[in-house]
Amino acid sequence: MPDEKIKVRDVRNGDWYWVSKVLLDEYGDRLKPIGIAIYNCLASHANQEGFCFPSHKHIAKRIGASISSVQRGIRQLIKLEIIRKSRQRYHNVYYLLKIDRSYRPNSNKTGQSDLHIGQSDRSDQSAGTTNKNLKQDLNKKNYASYRKTGDNLEEMKKVLVDKMSMNGGKKHLRTATDEP
C-alpha cells in the first residue's frame, strides 16, 4: 500500500518528556526494567522544576508492577543518586537529579554526543569540594581540635602542679605521667 501516509510522531504538542541517554548507557544494567520504568514514570509526572509526587500505588499501577517492587526500585534510584526523595505533608516528593556520564573505562564517549542541554561534561568541572570531602575535612578538624584540647589539658595540669608546688608543696596534684 504505497499510497498510505505514514504518521510520524510530533513532539511539538508537549505530549512527551525527556530522559537522558546516560540513564540507559550508565545505569541500565543496574536498574533493570523495573527501575527504568519507575524513572520513566517519574519523568512523565515531573514538572519544569524536575519534581513530582506520585504515590507508590499510582506508579505500580502505571508500570504494571507491585508496590514492593516500586519501593525497591525507588530505593535503588536514590542509592545511585539518580533521584532524591523528600517528605512534604502526606506525600513523597521525588526530584529528578542531573545525571552525567561517569569516567568508567567502558564509557562510550567517542563518536557520540551524549551531552544535552543542561548537562555538562565532568572534565570541565574543578575537583572542588563534595559532601564526602567536606565530611572528611570536618572530621580532620574535629580530631585536631580534640588533640589540641588534650594537649591544653596536660599543659594546664602542669601549670597547676607548678603553681601548687610554689606554695610550699603543701598539696601535690598527680598527673597521668606521675608514678603512683
N, C-alpha and C. Protein backbone atom coordinates (compact mmCIF):
# COMPACT_ATOMS: atom_id res chain seq x y z
N MET A 1 0.82 -1.17 0.00
CA MET A 1 0.00 0.00 0.00
C MET A 1 0.87 1.25 0.00
N PRO A 2 1.44 1.59 -1.08
CA PRO A 2 2.32 2.74 -1.17
C PRO A 2 1.59 4.08 -1.05
N ASP A 3 0.29 4.13 -1.24
CA ASP A 3 -0.47 5.39 -1.17
C ASP A 3 -0.76 5.83 0.26
N GLU A 4 -0.61 4.91 1.20
CA GLU A 4 -0.95 5.21 2.58
C GLU A 4 0.09 6.15 3.20
N LYS A 5 -0.38 7.18 3.89
CA LYS A 5 0.52 8.14 4.53
C LYS A 5 0.97 7.60 5.87
N ILE A 6 2.21 7.86 6.17
CA ILE A 6 2.78 7.43 7.44
C ILE A 6 2.67 8.57 8.43
N LYS A 7 2.19 8.25 9.63
CA LYS A 7 2.09 9.28 10.66
C LYS A 7 3.36 9.20 11.51
N VAL A 8 4.04 10.32 11.58
CA VAL A 8 5.27 10.43 12.36
C VAL A 8 4.94 11.19 13.63
N ARG A 9 5.58 10.80 14.72
CA ARG A 9 5.27 11.47 15.99
C ARG A 9 5.62 12.95 15.92
N ASP A 10 4.83 13.74 16.60
CA ASP A 10 5.02 15.18 16.62
C ASP A 10 5.30 15.60 18.07
N VAL A 11 6.52 16.03 18.33
CA VAL A 11 6.89 16.39 19.70
C VAL A 11 6.56 17.84 20.04
N ARG A 12 5.97 18.55 19.13
CA ARG A 12 5.66 19.96 19.37
C ARG A 12 4.46 20.17 20.28
N ASN A 13 3.62 19.16 20.43
CA ASN A 13 2.40 19.33 21.21
C ASN A 13 2.60 19.17 22.71
N GLY A 14 3.82 18.88 23.15
CA GLY A 14 4.10 18.76 24.57
C GLY A 14 3.69 17.44 25.18
N ASP A 15 3.30 16.49 24.37
CA ASP A 15 2.87 15.19 24.85
C ASP A 15 4.07 14.22 24.91
N TRP A 16 5.15 14.69 25.50
CA TRP A 16 6.37 13.90 25.60
C TRP A 16 7.17 14.37 26.80
N TYR A 17 8.16 13.64 27.18
CA TYR A 17 9.08 14.03 28.25
C TYR A 17 10.47 13.58 27.87
N TRP A 18 11.46 14.16 28.53
CA TRP A 18 12.86 13.95 28.17
C TRP A 18 13.53 13.05 29.20
N VAL A 19 14.25 12.03 28.71
CA VAL A 19 15.06 11.17 29.56
C VAL A 19 16.43 11.08 28.91
N SER A 20 17.47 11.30 29.68
CA SER A 20 18.83 11.29 29.17
C SER A 20 19.24 9.89 28.73
N LYS A 21 20.02 9.83 27.66
CA LYS A 21 20.57 8.55 27.21
C LYS A 21 21.50 7.95 28.24
N VAL A 22 22.07 8.79 29.07
CA VAL A 22 23.00 8.34 30.10
C VAL A 22 22.31 7.35 31.05
N LEU A 23 21.01 7.52 31.27
CA LEU A 23 20.29 6.62 32.16
C LEU A 23 20.44 5.17 31.69
N LEU A 24 20.23 4.93 30.43
CA LEU A 24 20.38 3.58 29.89
C LEU A 24 21.84 3.17 29.76
N ASP A 25 22.66 4.08 29.23
CA ASP A 25 24.07 3.75 28.98
C ASP A 25 24.83 3.43 30.25
N GLU A 26 24.63 4.22 31.29
CA GLU A 26 25.42 4.08 32.51
C GLU A 26 24.74 3.27 33.60
N TYR A 27 23.42 3.33 33.68
CA TYR A 27 22.72 2.73 34.81
C TYR A 27 21.77 1.60 34.41
N GLY A 28 21.56 1.39 33.14
CA GLY A 28 20.59 0.40 32.68
C GLY A 28 20.82 -0.99 33.22
N ASP A 29 22.08 -1.44 33.24
CA ASP A 29 22.36 -2.79 33.71
C ASP A 29 22.12 -2.95 35.21
N ARG A 30 22.19 -1.87 35.98
CA ARG A 30 21.96 -1.94 37.42
C ARG A 30 20.49 -1.70 37.77
N LEU A 31 19.81 -0.89 36.98
CA LEU A 31 18.42 -0.56 37.29
C LEU A 31 17.45 -1.66 36.89
N LYS A 32 17.76 -2.37 35.84
CA LYS A 32 16.87 -3.41 35.31
C LYS A 32 15.58 -2.74 34.80
N PRO A 33 14.70 -3.50 34.17
CA PRO A 33 13.48 -2.90 33.57
C PRO A 33 12.59 -2.16 34.56
N ILE A 34 12.45 -2.69 35.77
CA ILE A 34 11.57 -2.02 36.75
C ILE A 34 12.10 -0.64 37.11
N GLY A 35 13.40 -0.54 37.38
CA GLY A 35 13.98 0.75 37.74
C GLY A 35 13.86 1.77 36.62
N ILE A 36 14.08 1.30 35.39
CA ILE A 36 13.95 2.19 34.24
C ILE A 36 12.50 2.64 34.07
N ALA A 37 11.57 1.71 34.27
CA ALA A 37 10.15 2.05 34.16
C ALA A 37 9.74 3.05 35.24
N ILE A 38 10.24 2.85 36.45
CA ILE A 38 9.92 3.79 37.54
C ILE A 38 10.45 5.17 37.21
N TYR A 39 11.71 5.25 36.73
CA TYR A 39 12.28 6.54 36.38
C TYR A 39 11.45 7.21 35.28
N ASN A 40 11.05 6.43 34.27
CA ASN A 40 10.23 6.98 33.19
C ASN A 40 8.89 7.48 33.71
N CYS A 41 8.30 6.76 34.65
CA CYS A 41 7.03 7.19 35.23
C CYS A 41 7.22 8.51 35.99
N LEU A 42 8.30 8.58 36.77
CA LEU A 42 8.57 9.83 37.48
C LEU A 42 8.82 10.98 36.51
N ALA A 43 9.58 10.70 35.45
CA ALA A 43 9.87 11.74 34.45
C ALA A 43 8.59 12.21 33.76
N SER A 44 7.66 11.29 33.53
CA SER A 44 6.41 11.69 32.88
C SER A 44 5.55 12.56 33.78
N HIS A 45 5.71 12.44 35.09
CA HIS A 45 4.95 13.25 36.03
C HIS A 45 5.67 14.54 36.44
N ALA A 46 6.96 14.63 36.18
CA ALA A 46 7.76 15.76 36.66
C ALA A 46 7.36 17.06 36.00
N ASN A 47 7.42 18.13 36.78
CA ASN A 47 7.12 19.46 36.25
C ASN A 47 8.40 20.10 35.71
N GLN A 48 8.35 21.38 35.38
CA GLN A 48 9.50 22.08 34.81
C GLN A 48 10.69 22.12 35.77
N GLU A 49 10.41 22.15 37.06
CA GLU A 49 11.49 22.19 38.06
C GLU A 49 12.09 20.81 38.31
N GLY A 50 11.51 19.76 37.74
CA GLY A 50 12.06 18.41 37.85
C GLY A 50 11.63 17.64 39.08
N PHE A 51 10.47 17.97 39.63
CA PHE A 51 9.98 17.17 40.75
C PHE A 51 8.52 16.77 40.55
N CYS A 52 8.13 15.71 41.24
CA CYS A 52 6.77 15.18 41.15
C CYS A 52 6.44 14.45 42.45
N PHE A 53 5.20 14.05 42.61
CA PHE A 53 4.82 13.38 43.85
C PHE A 53 3.75 12.30 43.64
N PRO A 54 3.97 11.37 42.70
CA PRO A 54 3.01 10.27 42.56
C PRO A 54 3.18 9.26 43.71
N SER A 55 2.11 8.59 44.07
CA SER A 55 2.17 7.60 45.14
C SER A 55 2.79 6.30 44.61
N HIS A 56 3.25 5.46 45.53
CA HIS A 56 3.80 4.16 45.12
C HIS A 56 2.73 3.34 44.41
N LYS A 57 1.51 3.43 44.89
CA LYS A 57 0.40 2.69 44.29
C LYS A 57 0.15 3.15 42.85
N HIS A 58 0.19 4.47 42.64
CA HIS A 58 -0.02 5.01 41.30
C HIS A 58 1.09 4.58 40.34
N ILE A 59 2.33 4.65 40.80
CA ILE A 59 3.46 4.24 39.95
C ILE A 59 3.33 2.75 39.61
N ALA A 60 3.01 1.93 40.63
CA ALA A 60 2.86 0.49 40.41
C ALA A 60 1.78 0.20 39.38
N LYS A 61 0.68 0.91 39.46
CA LYS A 61 -0.42 0.71 38.51
C LYS A 61 0.00 1.11 37.10
N ARG A 62 0.71 2.25 36.99
CA ARG A 62 1.13 2.74 35.67
C ARG A 62 2.12 1.82 34.97
N ILE A 63 3.05 1.23 35.74
CA ILE A 63 4.09 0.40 35.10
C ILE A 63 3.78 -1.10 35.16
N GLY A 64 2.69 -1.48 35.83
CA GLY A 64 2.31 -2.88 35.91
C GLY A 64 3.21 -3.69 36.82
N ALA A 65 3.53 -3.14 37.97
CA ALA A 65 4.41 -3.82 38.93
C ALA A 65 3.76 -3.78 40.31
N SER A 66 4.34 -4.50 41.25
CA SER A 66 3.84 -4.48 42.63
C SER A 66 4.36 -3.25 43.35
N ILE A 67 3.68 -2.90 44.42
CA ILE A 67 4.09 -1.75 45.22
C ILE A 67 5.46 -2.00 45.84
N SER A 68 5.71 -3.23 46.29
CA SER A 68 7.02 -3.53 46.90
C SER A 68 8.14 -3.41 45.86
N SER A 69 7.87 -3.79 44.61
CA SER A 69 8.88 -3.62 43.55
C SER A 69 9.17 -2.14 43.31
N VAL A 70 8.13 -1.34 43.37
CA VAL A 70 8.29 0.11 43.19
C VAL A 70 9.13 0.67 44.34
N GLN A 71 8.86 0.24 45.56
CA GLN A 71 9.62 0.73 46.71
C GLN A 71 11.09 0.34 46.59
N ARG A 72 11.36 -0.90 46.18
CA ARG A 72 12.76 -1.33 45.99
C ARG A 72 13.43 -0.53 44.89
N GLY A 73 12.71 -0.32 43.79
CA GLY A 73 13.27 0.45 42.68
C GLY A 73 13.58 1.89 43.05
N ILE A 74 12.70 2.50 43.83
CA ILE A 74 12.93 3.88 44.27
C ILE A 74 14.15 3.95 45.19
N ARG A 75 14.28 2.97 46.10
CA ARG A 75 15.47 2.94 46.96
C ARG A 75 16.74 2.83 46.14
N GLN A 76 16.70 2.03 45.07
CA GLN A 76 17.89 1.87 44.23
C GLN A 76 18.18 3.16 43.46
N LEU A 77 17.16 3.82 42.95
CA LEU A 77 17.35 5.09 42.25
C LEU A 77 17.96 6.14 43.18
N ILE A 78 17.54 6.13 44.43
CA ILE A 78 18.09 7.06 45.42
C ILE A 78 19.54 6.70 45.71
N LYS A 79 19.81 5.42 45.89
CA LYS A 79 21.17 4.96 46.19
C LYS A 79 22.14 5.32 45.06
N LEU A 80 21.70 5.23 43.81
CA LEU A 80 22.54 5.56 42.67
C LEU A 80 22.59 7.07 42.41
N GLU A 81 21.89 7.85 43.24
CA GLU A 81 21.84 9.31 43.14
C GLU A 81 21.28 9.79 41.81
N ILE A 82 20.24 9.09 41.38
CA ILE A 82 19.52 9.47 40.16
C ILE A 82 18.31 10.32 40.53
N ILE A 83 17.72 10.01 41.68
CA ILE A 83 16.61 10.81 42.21
C ILE A 83 16.89 11.11 43.68
N ARG A 84 16.16 12.06 44.21
CA ARG A 84 16.19 12.37 45.63
C ARG A 84 14.74 12.40 46.10
N LYS A 85 14.51 11.95 47.31
CA LYS A 85 13.16 11.89 47.85
C LYS A 85 13.09 12.72 49.11
N SER A 86 12.00 13.47 49.25
CA SER A 86 11.74 14.18 50.49
C SER A 86 10.27 13.99 50.83
N ARG A 87 9.94 14.38 52.03
CA ARG A 87 8.56 14.20 52.50
C ARG A 87 7.95 15.57 52.74
N GLN A 88 6.77 15.80 52.15
CA GLN A 88 6.03 17.04 52.38
C GLN A 88 4.59 16.67 52.73
N ARG A 89 4.23 17.04 53.90
CA ARG A 89 2.91 16.72 54.44
C ARG A 89 2.62 15.23 54.34
N TYR A 90 1.74 14.85 53.45
CA TYR A 90 1.30 13.46 53.39
C TYR A 90 1.83 12.68 52.19
N HIS A 91 2.73 13.27 51.42
CA HIS A 91 3.25 12.53 50.28
C HIS A 91 4.74 12.74 50.07
N ASN A 92 5.32 11.78 49.36
CA ASN A 92 6.73 11.85 48.99
C ASN A 92 6.88 12.76 47.78
N VAL A 93 7.95 13.51 47.77
CA VAL A 93 8.27 14.34 46.61
C VAL A 93 9.57 13.80 46.04
N TYR A 94 9.55 13.51 44.74
CA TYR A 94 10.72 12.96 44.07
C TYR A 94 11.33 14.02 43.16
N TYR A 95 12.64 14.21 43.31
CA TYR A 95 13.38 15.17 42.49
C TYR A 95 14.25 14.39 41.52
N LEU A 96 14.12 14.68 40.24
CA LEU A 96 14.96 14.04 39.23
C LEU A 96 16.27 14.80 39.17
N LEU A 97 17.36 14.14 39.53
CA LEU A 97 18.66 14.78 39.59
C LEU A 97 19.36 14.74 38.24
N LYS A 98 20.28 15.65 38.04
CA LYS A 98 21.08 15.69 36.82
C LYS A 98 22.03 14.49 36.85
N ILE A 99 22.01 13.72 35.79
CA ILE A 99 22.91 12.57 35.72
C ILE A 99 23.90 12.78 34.59
N ASP A 100 25.16 12.55 34.90
CA ASP A 100 26.24 12.74 33.94
C ASP A 100 26.87 11.40 33.60
N ARG A 101 27.59 11.41 32.52
CA ARG A 101 28.34 10.23 32.13
C ARG A 101 29.55 10.14 33.04
N SER A 102 29.75 9.01 33.64
CA SER A 102 30.89 8.84 34.55
C SER A 102 32.14 8.52 33.74
N TYR A 103 33.25 8.52 34.42
CA TYR A 103 34.52 8.20 33.77
C TYR A 103 34.89 6.74 33.99
N ARG A 104 33.96 5.87 33.69
CA ARG A 104 34.26 4.45 33.75
C ARG A 104 35.04 4.08 32.50
N PRO A 105 35.91 3.07 32.57
CA PRO A 105 36.72 2.69 31.41
C PRO A 105 35.90 2.30 30.19
N ASN A 106 34.72 1.72 30.40
CA ASN A 106 33.91 1.30 29.27
C ASN A 106 32.90 2.36 28.84
N SER A 107 33.07 3.56 29.35
CA SER A 107 32.17 4.64 28.99
C SER A 107 32.37 5.00 27.52
N ASN A 108 31.28 5.05 26.77
CA ASN A 108 31.35 5.26 25.33
C ASN A 108 31.18 6.75 25.03
N LYS A 109 32.30 7.47 24.99
CA LYS A 109 32.23 8.91 24.74
C LYS A 109 32.61 9.28 23.31
N THR A 110 33.35 8.42 22.65
CA THR A 110 33.83 8.77 21.32
C THR A 110 32.77 8.49 20.28
N GLY A 111 32.63 9.38 19.36
CA GLY A 111 31.72 9.17 18.23
C GLY A 111 30.29 9.59 18.49
N GLN A 112 29.92 9.85 19.74
CA GLN A 112 28.55 10.25 20.04
C GLN A 112 28.55 11.49 20.89
N SER A 113 27.59 12.32 20.67
CA SER A 113 27.43 13.47 21.54
C SER A 113 26.35 13.14 22.55
N ASP A 114 26.77 12.82 23.77
CA ASP A 114 25.82 12.47 24.81
C ASP A 114 25.51 13.65 25.72
N LEU A 115 26.12 14.76 25.45
CA LEU A 115 25.89 15.92 26.29
C LEU A 115 24.67 16.68 25.79
N HIS A 116 23.72 16.87 26.65
CA HIS A 116 22.48 17.52 26.27
C HIS A 116 22.38 18.89 26.93
N ILE A 117 21.39 19.61 26.54
CA ILE A 117 21.16 20.91 27.15
C ILE A 117 20.96 20.72 28.64
N GLY A 118 21.65 21.54 29.41
CA GLY A 118 21.53 21.45 30.86
C GLY A 118 22.49 20.47 31.49
N GLN A 119 23.23 19.73 30.68
CA GLN A 119 24.21 18.81 31.23
C GLN A 119 25.58 19.22 30.74
N SER A 120 26.57 19.00 31.58
CA SER A 120 27.93 19.36 31.20
C SER A 120 28.85 18.18 31.38
N ASP A 121 29.92 18.20 30.65
CA ASP A 121 30.93 17.17 30.76
C ASP A 121 31.66 17.35 32.09
N ARG A 122 31.95 16.27 32.79
CA ARG A 122 32.61 16.38 34.09
C ARG A 122 34.04 16.88 33.97
N SER A 123 34.63 16.79 32.80
CA SER A 123 36.02 17.22 32.66
C SER A 123 36.16 18.73 32.81
N ASP A 124 35.07 19.49 32.61
CA ASP A 124 35.18 20.93 32.73
C ASP A 124 34.87 21.41 34.15
N GLN A 125 34.67 20.48 35.06
CA GLN A 125 34.40 20.86 36.43
C GLN A 125 35.65 20.69 37.26
N SER A 126 35.90 21.63 38.13
CA SER A 126 37.06 21.51 39.00
C SER A 126 36.77 20.45 40.06
N ALA A 127 37.83 19.97 40.69
CA ALA A 127 37.66 18.93 41.70
C ALA A 127 36.73 19.42 42.80
N GLY A 128 36.92 20.65 43.23
CA GLY A 128 36.01 21.28 44.18
C GLY A 128 35.81 20.48 45.44
N THR A 129 34.81 20.87 46.19
CA THR A 129 34.51 20.15 47.41
C THR A 129 33.20 19.42 47.24
N THR A 130 33.21 18.17 47.57
CA THR A 130 31.99 17.38 47.55
C THR A 130 31.56 17.18 48.99
N ASN A 131 30.38 16.63 49.18
CA ASN A 131 29.91 16.37 50.53
C ASN A 131 30.85 15.41 51.25
N LYS A 132 31.37 14.43 50.51
CA LYS A 132 32.28 13.47 51.12
C LYS A 132 33.57 14.18 51.57
N ASN A 133 34.11 15.06 50.71
CA ASN A 133 35.32 15.80 51.06
C ASN A 133 35.07 16.71 52.26
N LEU A 134 33.92 17.37 52.28
CA LEU A 134 33.59 18.26 53.39
C LEU A 134 33.51 17.48 54.69
N LYS A 135 32.92 16.29 54.63
CA LYS A 135 32.80 15.45 55.82
C LYS A 135 34.19 15.05 56.33
N GLN A 136 35.08 14.65 55.39
CA GLN A 136 36.42 14.26 55.77
C GLN A 136 37.18 15.44 56.38
N ASP A 137 37.06 16.61 55.77
CA ASP A 137 37.72 17.80 56.30
C ASP A 137 37.21 18.13 57.70
N LEU A 138 35.90 18.03 57.89
CA LEU A 138 35.31 18.32 59.19
C LEU A 138 35.81 17.33 60.23
N ASN A 139 35.89 16.06 59.86
CA ASN A 139 36.40 15.05 60.79
C ASN A 139 37.85 15.33 61.16
N LYS A 140 38.66 15.73 60.18
CA LYS A 140 40.07 16.05 60.45
C LYS A 140 40.17 17.23 61.41
N LYS A 141 39.36 18.27 61.17
CA LYS A 141 39.38 19.45 62.03
C LYS A 141 38.94 19.10 63.44
N ASN A 142 37.88 18.28 63.55
CA ASN A 142 37.40 17.89 64.88
C ASN A 142 38.46 17.07 65.60
N TYR A 143 39.11 16.18 64.92
CA TYR A 143 40.15 15.36 65.53
C TYR A 143 41.30 16.24 66.00
N ALA A 144 41.66 17.20 65.15
CA ALA A 144 42.76 18.11 65.53
C ALA A 144 42.37 18.94 66.75
N SER A 145 41.12 19.39 66.83
CA SER A 145 40.71 20.19 67.98
C SER A 145 40.68 19.33 69.24
N TYR A 146 40.28 18.06 69.13
CA TYR A 146 40.32 17.17 70.30
C TYR A 146 41.75 16.97 70.76
N ARG A 147 42.66 16.81 69.83
CA ARG A 147 44.05 16.62 70.17
C ARG A 147 44.59 17.87 70.87
N LYS A 148 44.22 19.05 70.31
CA LYS A 148 44.67 20.30 70.93
C LYS A 148 44.10 20.43 72.33
N THR A 149 42.84 20.07 72.49
CA THR A 149 42.21 20.15 73.80
C THR A 149 42.94 19.25 74.78
N GLY A 150 43.28 18.05 74.36
CA GLY A 150 44.04 17.13 75.20
C GLY A 150 45.39 17.69 75.56
N ASP A 151 46.08 18.27 74.58
CA ASP A 151 47.39 18.89 74.84
C ASP A 151 47.24 20.04 75.82
N ASN A 152 46.22 20.87 75.62
CA ASN A 152 45.98 22.00 76.51
C ASN A 152 45.68 21.52 77.92
N LEU A 153 44.94 20.43 78.03
CA LEU A 153 44.61 19.90 79.34
C LEU A 153 45.87 19.47 80.08
N GLU A 154 46.77 18.79 79.38
CA GLU A 154 48.03 18.38 80.00
C GLU A 154 48.85 19.60 80.42
N GLU A 155 48.88 20.62 79.55
CA GLU A 155 49.62 21.84 79.88
C GLU A 155 49.03 22.53 81.11
N MET A 156 47.71 22.57 81.17
CA MET A 156 47.04 23.21 82.30
C MET A 156 47.34 22.45 83.60
N LYS A 157 47.38 21.12 83.53
CA LYS A 157 47.71 20.33 84.71
C LYS A 157 49.13 20.64 85.18
N LYS A 158 50.06 20.74 84.22
CA LYS A 158 51.45 21.05 84.58
C LYS A 158 51.56 22.43 85.22
N VAL A 159 50.85 23.41 84.67
CA VAL A 159 50.86 24.77 85.24
C VAL A 159 50.30 24.73 86.65
N LEU A 160 49.21 23.99 86.83
CA LEU A 160 48.59 23.89 88.14
C LEU A 160 49.52 23.20 89.14
N VAL A 161 50.20 22.15 88.70
CA VAL A 161 51.14 21.45 89.57
C VAL A 161 52.29 22.39 89.94
N ASP A 162 52.82 23.11 88.97
CA ASP A 162 53.91 24.05 89.25
C ASP A 162 53.45 25.12 90.23
N LYS A 163 52.25 25.62 90.05
CA LYS A 163 51.73 26.67 90.92
C LYS A 163 51.56 26.16 92.34
N MET A 164 51.06 24.94 92.46
CA MET A 164 50.84 24.37 93.78
C MET A 164 52.18 24.04 94.45
N SER A 165 53.15 23.66 93.65
CA SER A 165 54.45 23.35 94.25
C SER A 165 55.14 24.62 94.73
N MET A 166 54.80 25.78 94.16
CA MET A 166 55.36 27.05 94.63
C MET A 166 54.78 27.43 95.98
N ASN A 167 53.66 26.88 96.33
CA ASN A 167 53.03 27.18 97.61
C ASN A 167 53.63 26.32 98.72
N GLY A 168 54.83 25.93 98.59
CA GLY A 168 55.47 25.16 99.64
C GLY A 168 55.22 23.69 99.53
N GLY A 169 54.65 23.26 98.42
CA GLY A 169 54.43 21.83 98.22
C GLY A 169 53.41 21.24 99.15
N LYS A 170 52.51 22.07 99.67
CA LYS A 170 51.52 21.57 100.60
C LYS A 170 50.61 20.54 99.95
N LYS A 171 50.19 20.83 98.73
CA LYS A 171 49.33 19.90 98.01
C LYS A 171 50.01 19.55 96.70
N HIS A 172 49.94 18.31 96.36
CA HIS A 172 50.54 17.87 95.11
C HIS A 172 49.46 17.19 94.27
N LEU A 173 49.25 17.68 93.06
CA LEU A 173 48.26 17.11 92.16
C LEU A 173 48.95 16.13 91.24
N ARG A 174 48.49 14.91 91.23
CA ARG A 174 49.11 13.90 90.36
C ARG A 174 48.65 14.08 88.93
N THR A 175 49.58 13.86 88.02
CA THR A 175 49.25 13.89 86.59
C THR A 175 49.26 12.46 86.08
N ALA A 176 48.87 12.28 84.86
CA ALA A 176 48.81 10.95 84.26
C ALA A 176 50.22 10.36 84.13
N THR A 177 51.25 11.21 84.07
CA THR A 177 52.61 10.72 83.89
C THR A 177 53.31 10.40 85.19
N ASP A 178 52.74 10.81 86.33
CA ASP A 178 53.34 10.54 87.63
C ASP A 178 53.20 9.06 87.99
N GLU A 179 54.19 8.56 88.69
CA GLU A 179 54.13 7.19 89.21
C GLU A 179 53.28 7.17 90.47
N PRO A 180 52.51 6.13 90.71
CA PRO A 180 51.67 6.08 91.92
C PRO A 180 52.48 5.88 93.18
